Amino acid sequence: MSIADEGPGIAAEHHERIFERFYRVPDTRARGTGRGLGLYIAKTIVERHRGRLSVESAPGRGSRFKVVLPLA
């Protein structure tokens, strides 16, 4: 399953860190009111089901988050 948006995108140097608890991409702090927990929680849930959560993104091109779960 994948989920895509047409937002500002995320630079490659932040791709691994966005899944850390309380991490927020530095240039987006002024725009949002999030706490940096959503992607951490999503990745934790997916991994507890033995799956993977990943991101494909670039500045100005939006983001696509991909969830892969095992069949059994």
C-alpha atoms as a PDB file:
ATOM      1  CA  MET A   1       0.000   0.000   0.000  1.00  0.00           C
ATOM      2  CA  SER A   2       1.242   3.506  -0.648  1.00  0.00           C
ATOM      3  CA  ILE A   3       0.036   6.963   0.287  1.00  0.00           C
ATOM      4  CA  ALA A   4       1.139  10.030  -1.676  1.00  0.00           C
ATOM      5  CA  ASP A   5       0.774  13.779  -1.304  1.00  0.00           C
ATOM      6  CA  GLU A   6       1.682  16.845  -3.318  1.00  0.00           C
ATOM      7  CA  GLY A   7       3.208  18.752  -0.412  1.00  0.00           C
ATOM      8  CA  PRO A   8       6.600  20.437  -0.176  1.00  0.00           C
ATOM      9  CA  GLY A   9       8.537  17.151  -0.109  1.00  0.00           C
ATOM     10  CA  ILE A  10      11.341  16.006   2.177  1.00  0.00           C
ATOM     11  CA  ALA A  11      15.069  16.247   1.424  1.00  0.00           C
ATOM     12  CA  ALA A  12      16.922  12.917   1.305  1.00  0.00           C
ATOM     13  CA  GLU A  13      19.033  13.715   4.387  1.00  0.00           C
ATOM     14  CA  HIS A  14      15.850  13.613   6.508  1.00  0.00           C
ATOM     15  CA  HIS A  15      14.346  10.370   5.156  1.00  0.00           C
ATOM     16  CA  GLU A  16      15.617   8.086   7.929  1.00  0.00           C
ATOM     17  CA  ARG A  17      15.181  10.608  10.727  1.00  0.00           C
ATOM     18  CA  ILE A  18      11.511  11.432  10.048  1.00  0.00           C
ATOM     19  CA  PHE A  19      10.605   8.070  11.599  1.00  0.00           C
ATOM     20  CA  GLU A  20      12.334   8.958  14.889  1.00  0.00           C
ATOM     21  CA  ARG A  21      10.250   9.994  17.882  1.00  0.00           C
ATOM     22  CA  PHE A  22       9.779  13.813  18.050  1.00  0.00           C
ATOM     23  CA  TYR A  23      11.818  14.498  14.887  1.00  0.00           C
ATOM     24  CA  ARG A  24      10.501  17.251  12.627  1.00  0.00           C
ATOM     25  CA  VAL A  25      12.130  18.437   9.417  1.00  0.00           C
ATOM     26  CA  PRO A  26      13.754  21.764  10.418  1.00  0.00           C
ATOM     27  CA  ASP A  27      12.278  24.015   7.707  1.00  0.00           C
ATOM     28  CA  THR A  28       8.695  22.860   8.416  1.00  0.00           C
ATOM     29  CA  ARG A  29       8.615  23.664  12.143  1.00  0.00           C
ATOM     30  CA  ALA A  30       7.074  27.108  11.632  1.00  0.00           C
ATOM     31  CA  ARG A  31       4.292  25.788   9.359  1.00  0.00           C
ATOM     32  CA  GLY A  32       2.884  22.917  11.383  1.00  0.00           C
ATOM     33  CA  THR A  33       1.695  22.182  14.872  1.00  0.00           C
ATOM     34  CA  GLY A  34       2.653  18.492  14.887  1.00  0.00           C
ATOM     35  CA  ARG A  35       4.792  16.945  17.579  1.00  0.00           C
ATOM     36  CA  GLY A  36       6.832  14.566  15.453  1.00  0.00           C
ATOM     37  CA  LEU A  37       5.067  11.413  16.631  1.00  0.00           C
ATOM     38  CA  GLY A  38       2.828  10.363  13.730  1.00  0.00           C
ATOM     39  CA  LEU A  39       5.414   8.665  11.521  1.00  0.00           C
ATOM     40  CA  TYR A  40       7.141   7.157  14.561  1.00  0.00           C
ATOM     41  CA  ILE A  41       3.858   5.575  15.681  1.00  0.00           C
ATOM     42  CA  ALA A  42       2.996   4.414  12.156  1.00  0.00           C
ATOM     43  CA  LYS A  43       6.401   2.769  11.701  1.00  0.00           C
ATOM     44  CA  THR A  44       6.180   1.091  15.117  1.00  0.00           C
ATOM     45  CA  ILE A  45       2.767  -0.402  14.267  1.00  0.00           C
ATOM     46  CA  VAL A  46       3.930  -1.610  10.840  1.00  0.00           C
ATOM     47  CA  GLU A  47       7.122  -3.155  12.262  1.00  0.00           C
ATOM     48  CA  ARG A  48       5.167  -4.965  15.008  1.00  0.00           C
ATOM     49  CA  HIS A  49       3.244  -6.617  12.187  1.00  0.00           C
ATOM     50  CA  ARG A  50       6.601  -7.642  10.669  1.00  0.00           C
ATOM     51  CA  GLY A  51       6.306  -5.068   7.874  1.00  0.00           C
ATOM     52  CA  ARG A  52       8.247  -2.094   6.546  1.00  0.00           C
ATOM     53  CA  LEU A  53       7.415   1.589   6.175  1.00  0.00           C
ATOM     54  CA  SER A  54       9.500   3.684   3.794  1.00  0.00           C
ATOM     55  CA  VAL A  55       9.422   7.083   2.109  1.00  0.00           C
ATOM     56  CA  GLU A  56      10.211   8.382  -1.374  1.00  0.00           C
ATOM     57  CA  SER A  57      10.361  12.164  -1.492  1.00  0.00           C
ATOM     58  CA  ALA A  58      12.201  15.162  -2.844  1.00  0.00           C
ATOM     59  CA  PRO A  59      11.780  18.890  -2.216  1.00  0.00           C
ATOM     60  CA  GLY A  60       9.078  20.346  -4.445  1.00  0.00           C
ATOM     61  CA  ARG A  61       7.840  16.914  -5.548  1.00  0.00           C
ATOM     62  CA  GLY A  62       5.662  15.683  -2.683  1.00  0.00           C
ATOM     63  CA  SER A  63       6.067  12.428  -0.765  1.00  0.00           C
ATOM     64  CA  ARG A  64       5.045   8.796  -1.123  1.00  0.00           C
ATOM     65  CA  PHE A  65       4.982   6.544   1.928  1.00  0.00           C
ATOM     66  CA  LYS A  66       4.988   2.807   1.255  1.00  0.00           C
ATOM     67  CA  VAL A  67       3.788   0.096   3.648  1.00  0.00           C
ATOM     68  CA  VAL A  68       4.744  -3.546   2.974  1.00  0.00           C
ATOM     69  CA  LEU A  69       3.224  -6.248   5.184  1.00  0.00           C
ATOM     70  CA  PRO A  70       3.770 -10.019   5.018  1.00  0.00           C
ATOM     71  CA  LEU A  71       0.858 -12.180   3.835  1.00  0.00           C
ATOM     72  CA  ALA A  72       1.081 -14.605   6.736  1.00  0.00           C
END
